[in-house]
Amino acid sequence: MQALENISFDELISLIRGLSDTQRAQLKAEINRMENESTSDSLEEFLLSAPTFSEDQVKTIEETRKAIDQWRKN
């Protein structure tokens, strides 16, 4: 069962200060886990939604690289 309340930031800090060292360590571990989870999710979503090159674009890039390499040799 969860009780949802609107509390101010100062009240939250006061509640955290009232926790034991063990409880504070657990809270810190949970916050770190949540941050890592959201970061990895957003990075994964970003990478999966990123645009990709078409076969034609890859071919053009390869040809351009070859032309640049040829130009450098001269």
PDB file of N, CA and C in Angstrom:
ATOM      1  N   MET A   1       0.851  -1.184   0.000  1.00  0.00           N
ATOM      2  CA  MET A   1       0.000   0.000   0.000  1.00  0.00           C
ATOM      3  C   MET A   1       0.890   1.238   0.000  1.00  0.00           C
ATOM      4  N   GLN A   2       0.546   2.202  -0.823  1.00  0.00           N
ATOM      5  CA  GLN A   2       1.307   3.436  -0.898  1.00  0.00           C
ATOM      6  C   GLN A   2       0.436   4.604  -0.474  1.00  0.00           C
ATOM      7  N   ALA A   3       1.039   5.498   0.287  1.00  0.00           N
ATOM      8  CA  ALA A   3       0.362   6.728   0.659  1.00  0.00           C
ATOM      9  C   ALA A   3       1.029   7.861  -0.109  1.00  0.00           C
ATOM     10  N   LEU A   4       0.274   8.529  -0.933  1.00  0.00           N
ATOM     11  CA  LEU A   4       0.816   9.627  -1.712  1.00  0.00           C
ATOM     12  C   LEU A   4       0.458  10.940  -1.046  1.00  0.00           C
ATOM     13  N   GLU A   5       1.495  11.731  -0.779  1.00  0.00           N
ATOM     14  CA  GLU A   5       1.288  13.028  -0.164  1.00  0.00           C
ATOM     15  C   GLU A   5       2.134  14.052  -0.893  1.00  0.00           C
ATOM     16  N   ASN A   6       1.673  15.271  -0.882  1.00  0.00           N
ATOM     17  CA  ASN A   6       2.476  16.364  -1.413  1.00  0.00           C
ATOM     18  C   ASN A   6       3.235  16.977  -0.248  1.00  0.00           C
ATOM     19  N   ILE A   7       4.566  16.816  -0.283  1.00  0.00           N
ATOM     20  CA  ILE A   7       5.380  17.398   0.779  1.00  0.00           C
ATOM     21  C   ILE A   7       6.395  18.336   0.141  1.00  0.00           C
ATOM     22  N   SER A   8       6.809  19.307   0.914  1.00  0.00           N
ATOM     23  CA  SER A   8       7.781  20.270   0.396  1.00  0.00           C
ATOM     24  C   SER A   8       9.176  19.646   0.420  1.00  0.00           C
ATOM     25  N   PHE A   9      10.064  20.272  -0.302  1.00  0.00           N
ATOM     26  CA  PHE A   9      11.441  19.792  -0.351  1.00  0.00           C
ATOM     27  C   PHE A   9      12.062  19.820   1.038  1.00  0.00           C
ATOM     28  N   ASP A  10      11.799  20.882   1.797  1.00  0.00           N
ATOM     29  CA  ASP A  10      12.349  20.994   3.156  1.00  0.00           C
ATOM     30  C   ASP A  10      11.846  19.860   4.052  1.00  0.00           C
ATOM     31  N   GLU A  11      10.564  19.501   3.892  1.00  0.00           N
ATOM     32  CA  GLU A  11      10.019  18.391   4.672  1.00  0.00           C
ATOM     33  C   GLU A  11      10.679  17.075   4.275  1.00  0.00           C
ATOM     34  N   LEU A  12      10.929  16.914   2.998  1.00  0.00           N
ATOM     35  CA  LEU A  12      11.593  15.709   2.517  1.00  0.00           C
ATOM     36  C   LEU A  12      12.999  15.605   3.105  1.00  0.00           C
ATOM     37  N   ILE A  13      13.733  16.698   3.091  1.00  0.00           N
ATOM     38  CA  ILE A  13      15.082  16.713   3.669  1.00  0.00           C
ATOM     39  C   ILE A  13      15.017  16.381   5.154  1.00  0.00           C
ATOM     40  N   SER A  14      14.050  16.922   5.827  1.00  0.00           N
ATOM     41  CA  SER A  14      13.881  16.646   7.255  1.00  0.00           C
ATOM     42  C   SER A  14      13.616  15.160   7.495  1.00  0.00           C
ATOM     43  N   LEU A  15      12.785  14.572   6.660  1.00  0.00           N
ATOM     44  CA  LEU A  15      12.510  13.135   6.782  1.00  0.00           C
ATOM     45  C   LEU A  15      13.766  12.305   6.517  1.00  0.00           C
ATOM     46  N   ILE A  16      14.537  12.702   5.518  1.00  0.00           N
ATOM     47  CA  ILE A  16      15.764  11.970   5.191  1.00  0.00           C
ATOM     48  C   ILE A  16      16.756  12.062   6.338  1.00  0.00           C
ATOM     49  N   ARG A  17      16.851  13.234   6.948  1.00  0.00           N
ATOM     50  CA  ARG A  17      17.763  13.398   8.093  1.00  0.00           C
ATOM     51  C   ARG A  17      17.349  12.517   9.268  1.00  0.00           C
ATOM     52  N   GLY A  18      16.077  12.196   9.343  1.00  0.00           N
ATOM     53  CA  GLY A  18      15.587  11.355  10.429  1.00  0.00           C
ATOM     54  C   GLY A  18      15.829   9.861  10.211  1.00  0.00           C
ATOM     55  N   LEU A  19      16.301   9.499   9.014  1.00  0.00           N
ATOM     56  CA  LEU A  19      16.567   8.094   8.727  1.00  0.00           C
ATOM     57  C   LEU A  19      17.850   7.626   9.413  1.00  0.00           C
ATOM     58  N   SER A  20      17.911   6.339   9.664  1.00  0.00           N
ATOM     59  CA  SER A  20      19.146   5.766  10.213  1.00  0.00           C
ATOM     60  C   SER A  20      20.193   5.727   9.106  1.00  0.00           C
ATOM     61  N   ASP A  21      21.444   5.477   9.491  1.00  0.00           N
ATOM     62  CA  ASP A  21      22.513   5.404   8.496  1.00  0.00           C
ATOM     63  C   ASP A  21      22.240   4.295   7.473  1.00  0.00           C
ATOM     64  N   THR A  22      21.724   3.197   7.931  1.00  0.00           N
ATOM     65  CA  THR A  22      21.411   2.076   7.042  1.00  0.00           C
ATOM     66  C   THR A  22      20.316   2.459   6.058  1.00  0.00           C
ATOM     67  N   GLN A  23      19.284   3.115   6.560  1.00  0.00           N
ATOM     68  CA  GLN A  23      18.180   3.526   5.697  1.00  0.00           C
ATOM     69  C   GLN A  23      18.641   4.575   4.678  1.00  0.00           C
ATOM     70  N   ARG A  24      19.523   5.485   5.104  1.00  0.00           N
ATOM     71  CA  ARG A  24      20.052   6.482   4.186  1.00  0.00           C
ATOM     72  C   ARG A  24      20.896   5.831   3.093  1.00  0.00           C
ATOM     73  N   ALA A  25      21.663   4.824   3.468  1.00  0.00           N
ATOM     74  CA  ALA A  25      22.469   4.096   2.478  1.00  0.00           C
ATOM     75  C   ALA A  25      21.558   3.383   1.480  1.00  0.00           C
ATOM     76  N   GLN A  26      20.475   2.799   1.969  1.00  0.00           N
ATOM     77  CA  GLN A  26      19.515   2.136   1.085  1.00  0.00           C
ATOM     78  C   GLN A  26      18.863   3.144   0.145  1.00  0.00           C
ATOM     79  N   LEU A  27      18.499   4.304   0.683  1.00  0.00           N
ATOM     80  CA  LEU A  27      17.893   5.359  -0.133  1.00  0.00           C
ATOM     81  C   LEU A  27      18.862   5.832  -1.218  1.00  0.00           C
ATOM     82  N   LYS A  28      20.124   6.037  -0.833  1.00  0.00           N
ATOM     83  CA  LYS A  28      21.128   6.469  -1.791  1.00  0.00           C
ATOM     84  C   LYS A  28      21.313   5.421  -2.890  1.00  0.00           C
ATOM     85  N   ALA A  29      21.369   4.154  -2.517  1.00  0.00           N
ATOM     86  CA  ALA A  29      21.519   3.078  -3.501  1.00  0.00           C
ATOM     87  C   ALA A  29      20.328   3.046  -4.458  1.00  0.00           C
ATOM     88  N   GLU A  30      19.135   3.249  -3.933  1.00  0.00           N
ATOM     89  CA  GLU A  30      17.934   3.251  -4.768  1.00  0.00           C
ATOM     90  C   GLU A  30      17.933   4.434  -5.728  1.00  0.00           C
ATOM     91  N   ILE A  31      18.336   5.590  -5.260  1.00  0.00           N
ATOM     92  CA  ILE A  31      18.398   6.776  -6.117  1.00  0.00           C
ATOM     93  C   ILE A  31      19.424   6.566  -7.223  1.00  0.00           C
ATOM     94  N   ASN A  32      20.591   6.020  -6.870  1.00  0.00           N
ATOM     95  CA  ASN A  32      21.620   5.737  -7.878  1.00  0.00           C
ATOM     96  C   ASN A  32      21.114   4.734  -8.903  1.00  0.00           C
ATOM     97  N   ARG A  33      20.404   3.709  -8.452  1.00  0.00           N
ATOM     98  CA  ARG A  33      19.855   2.699  -9.357  1.00  0.00           C
ATOM     99  C   ARG A  33      18.863   3.345 -10.314  1.00  0.00           C
ATOM    100  N   MET A  34      18.006   4.215  -9.799  1.00  0.00           N
ATOM    101  CA  MET A  34      17.009   4.889 -10.629  1.00  0.00           C
ATOM    102  C   MET A  34      17.687   5.789 -11.656  1.00  0.00           C
ATOM    103  N   GLU A  35      18.737   6.514 -11.253  1.00  0.00           N
ATOM    104  CA  GLU A  35      19.448   7.396 -12.170  1.00  0.00           C
ATOM    105  C   GLU A  35      20.120   6.593 -13.279  1.00  0.00           C
ATOM    106  N   ASN A  36      20.769   5.496 -12.915  1.00  0.00           N
ATOM    107  CA  ASN A  36      21.442   4.660 -13.913  1.00  0.00           C
ATOM    108  C   ASN A  36      20.430   4.040 -14.868  1.00  0.00           C
ATOM    109  N   GLU A  37      19.306   3.635 -14.333  1.00  0.00           N
ATOM    110  CA  GLU A  37      18.261   3.015 -15.142  1.00  0.00           C
ATOM    111  C   GLU A  37      17.713   4.012 -16.160  1.00  0.00           C
ATOM    112  N   SER A  38      17.419   5.210 -15.713  1.00  0.00           N
ATOM    113  CA  SER A  38      16.848   6.206 -16.627  1.00  0.00           C
ATOM    114  C   SER A  38      17.883   6.657 -17.637  1.00  0.00           C
ATOM    115  N   THR A  39      19.146   6.745 -17.246  1.00  0.00           N
ATOM    116  CA  THR A  39      20.197   7.149 -18.173  1.00  0.00           C
ATOM    117  C   THR A  39      20.389   6.097 -19.245  1.00  0.00           C
ATOM    118  N   SER A  40      20.471   4.848 -18.849  1.00  0.00           N
ATOM    119  CA  SER A  40      20.696   3.802 -19.841  1.00  0.00           C
ATOM    120  C   SER A  40      19.483   3.650 -20.747  1.00  0.00           C
ATOM    121  N   ASP A  41      18.290   3.817 -20.205  1.00  0.00           N
ATOM    122  CA  ASP A  41      17.088   3.738 -21.029  1.00  0.00           C
ATOM    123  C   ASP A  41      17.063   4.850 -22.064  1.00  0.00           C
ATOM    124  N   SER A  42      17.381   6.065 -21.632  1.00  0.00           N
ATOM    125  CA  SER A  42      17.319   7.177 -22.567  1.00  0.00           C
ATOM    126  C   SER A  42      18.416   7.065 -23.618  1.00  0.00           C
ATOM    127  N   LEU A  43      19.595   6.569 -23.240  1.00  0.00           N
ATOM    128  CA  LEU A  43      20.662   6.384 -24.213  1.00  0.00           C
ATOM    129  C   LEU A  43      20.274   5.306 -25.213  1.00  0.00           C
ATOM    130  N   GLU A  44      19.721   4.205 -24.712  1.00  0.00           N
ATOM    131  CA  GLU A  44      19.297   3.128 -25.599  1.00  0.00           C
ATOM    132  C   GLU A  44      18.205   3.605 -26.555  1.00  0.00           C
ATOM    133  N   GLU A  45      17.240   4.345 -26.041  1.00  0.00           N
ATOM    134  CA  GLU A  45      16.173   4.880 -26.885  1.00  0.00           C
ATOM    135  C   GLU A  45      16.734   5.821 -27.942  1.00  0.00           C
ATOM    136  N   PHE A  46      17.684   6.664 -27.533  1.00  0.00           N
ATOM    137  CA  PHE A  46      18.304   7.603 -28.463  1.00  0.00           C
ATOM    138  C   PHE A  46      19.010   6.863 -29.592  1.00  0.00           C
ATOM    139  N   LEU A  47      19.806   5.849 -29.216  1.00  0.00           N
ATOM    140  CA  LEU A  47      20.551   5.111 -30.230  1.00  0.00           C
ATOM    141  C   LEU A  47      19.632   4.343 -31.169  1.00  0.00           C
ATOM    142  N   LEU A  48      18.573   3.767 -30.614  1.00  0.00           N
ATOM    143  CA  LEU A  48      17.658   2.998 -31.452  1.00  0.00           C
ATOM    144  C   LEU A  48      16.824   3.884 -32.373  1.00  0.00           C
ATOM    145  N   SER A  49      16.608   5.122 -31.975  1.00  0.00           N
ATOM    146  CA  SER A  49      15.797   6.013 -32.797  1.00  0.00           C
ATOM    147  C   SER A  49      16.640   6.886 -33.729  1.00  0.00           C
ATOM    148  N   ALA A  50      17.957   6.744 -33.650  1.00  0.00           N
ATOM    149  CA  ALA A  50      18.846   7.558 -34.479  1.00  0.00           C
ATOM    150  C   ALA A  50      18.707   7.176 -35.951  1.00  0.00           C
ATOM    151  N   PRO A  51      18.915   8.122 -36.826  1.00  0.00           N
ATOM    152  CA  PRO A  51      18.824   7.816 -38.257  1.00  0.00           C
ATOM    153  C   PRO A  51      19.976   6.908 -38.683  1.00  0.00           C
ATOM    154  N   THR A  52      19.764   6.151 -39.734  1.00  0.00           N
ATOM    155  CA  THR A  52      20.796   5.272 -40.263  1.00  0.00           C
ATOM    156  C   THR A  52      21.047   5.628 -41.726  1.00  0.00           C
ATOM    157  N   PHE A  53      22.220   5.241 -42.197  1.00  0.00           N
ATOM    158  CA  PHE A  53      22.562   5.493 -43.598  1.00  0.00           C
ATOM    159  C   PHE A  53      21.904   4.457 -44.485  1.00  0.00           C
ATOM    160  N   SER A  54      21.492   4.897 -45.654  1.00  0.00           N
ATOM    161  CA  SER A  54      20.982   3.960 -46.653  1.00  0.00           C
ATOM    162  C   SER A  54      22.185   3.351 -47.381  1.00  0.00           C
ATOM    163  N   GLU A  55      21.941   2.314 -48.143  1.00  0.00           N
ATOM    164  CA  GLU A  55      23.017   1.670 -48.908  1.00  0.00           C
ATOM    165  C   GLU A  55      23.652   2.657 -49.887  1.00  0.00           C
ATOM    166  N   ASP A  56      22.834   3.490 -50.498  1.00  0.00           N
ATOM    167  CA  ASP A  56      23.350   4.497 -51.438  1.00  0.00           C
ATOM    168  C   ASP A  56      24.260   5.494 -50.733  1.00  0.00           C
ATOM    169  N   GLN A  57      23.873   5.916 -49.549  1.00  0.00           N
ATOM    170  CA  GLN A  57      24.689   6.867 -48.796  1.00  0.00           C
ATOM    171  C   GLN A  57      26.020   6.233 -48.393  1.00  0.00           C
ATOM    172  N   VAL A  58      25.996   4.978 -47.967  1.00  0.00           N
ATOM    173  CA  VAL A  58      27.230   4.282 -47.593  1.00  0.00           C
ATOM    174  C   VAL A  58      28.152   4.176 -48.811  1.00  0.00           C
ATOM    175  N   LYS A  59      27.579   3.860 -49.962  1.00  0.00           N
ATOM    176  CA  LYS A  59      28.362   3.760 -51.197  1.00  0.00           C
ATOM    177  C   LYS A  59      28.990   5.108 -51.542  1.00  0.00           C
ATOM    178  N   THR A  60      28.232   6.181 -51.406  1.00  0.00           N
ATOM    179  CA  THR A  60      28.747   7.520 -51.685  1.00  0.00           C
ATOM    180  C   THR A  60      29.885   7.868 -50.736  1.00  0.00           C
ATOM    181  N   ILE A  61      29.746   7.537 -49.481  1.00  0.00           N
ATOM    182  CA  ILE A  61      30.798   7.814 -48.483  1.00  0.00           C
ATOM    183  C   ILE A  61      32.065   7.046 -48.840  1.00  0.00           C
ATOM    184  N   GLU A  62      31.916   5.769 -49.193  1.00  0.00           N
ATOM    185  CA  GLU A  62      33.080   4.965 -49.572  1.00  0.00           C
ATOM    186  C   GLU A  62      33.780   5.545 -50.797  1.00  0.00           C
ATOM    187  N   GLU A  63      33.019   5.948 -51.789  1.00  0.00           N
ATOM    188  CA  GLU A  63      33.596   6.538 -53.008  1.00  0.00           C
ATOM    189  C   GLU A  63      34.315   7.848 -52.689  1.00  0.00           C
ATOM    190  N   THR A  64      33.715   8.635 -51.819  1.00  0.00           N
ATOM    191  CA  THR A  64      34.331   9.903 -51.426  1.00  0.00           C
ATOM    192  C   THR A  64      35.642   9.663 -50.687  1.00  0.00           C
ATOM    193  N   ARG A  65      35.661   8.682 -49.803  1.00  0.00           N
ATOM    194  CA  ARG A  65      36.899   8.351 -49.090  1.00  0.00           C
ATOM    195  C   ARG A  65      37.989   7.910 -50.058  1.00  0.00           C
ATOM    196  N   LYS A  66      37.619   7.078 -51.016  1.00  0.00           N
ATOM    197  CA  LYS A  66      38.595   6.627 -52.016  1.00  0.00           C
ATOM    198  C   LYS A  66      39.135   7.815 -52.794  1.00  0.00           C
ATOM    199  N   ALA A  67      38.268   8.736 -53.192  1.00  0.00           N
ATOM    200  CA  ALA A  67      38.694   9.914 -53.947  1.00  0.00           C
ATOM    201  C   ALA A  67      39.623  10.791 -53.111  1.00  0.00           C
ATOM    202  N   ILE A  68      39.325  10.956 -51.846  1.00  0.00           N
ATOM    203  CA  ILE A  68      40.184  11.761 -50.954  1.00  0.00           C
ATOM    204  C   ILE A  68      41.533  11.084 -50.788  1.00  0.00           C
ATOM    205  N   ASP A  69      41.541   9.756 -50.586  1.00  0.00           N
ATOM    206  CA  ASP A  69      42.805   9.024 -50.462  1.00  0.00           C
ATOM    207  C   ASP A  69      43.638   9.166 -51.738  1.00  0.00           C
ATOM    208  N   GLN A  70      42.985   9.095 -52.895  1.00  0.00           N
ATOM    209  CA  GLN A  70      43.665   9.245 -54.174  1.00  0.00           C
ATOM    210  C   GLN A  70      44.255  10.643 -54.281  1.00  0.00           C
ATOM    211  N   TRP A  71      43.515  11.646 -53.872  1.00  0.00           N
ATOM    212  CA  TRP A  71      43.955  13.027 -53.927  1.00  0.00           C
ATOM    213  C   TRP A  71      45.165  13.244 -53.018  1.00  0.00           C
ATOM    214  N   ARG A  72      45.176  12.606 -51.841  1.00  0.00           N
ATOM    215  CA  ARG A  72      46.288  12.758 -50.896  1.00  0.00           C
ATOM    216  C   ARG A  72      47.568  12.149 -51.450  1.00  0.00           C
ATOM    217  N   LYS A  73      47.457  11.092 -52.236  1.00  0.00           N
ATOM    218  CA  LYS A  73      48.645  10.425 -52.782  1.00  0.00           C
ATOM    219  C   LYS A  73      49.334  11.297 -53.828  1.00  0.00           C
ATOM    220  N   ASN A  74      48.586  12.171 -54.466  1.00  0.00           N
ATOM    221  CA  ASN A  74      49.163  13.021 -55.526  1.00  0.00           C
ATOM    222  C   ASN A  74      49.843  14.212 -54.985  1.00  0.00           C
TER     223      ASN A  74
END
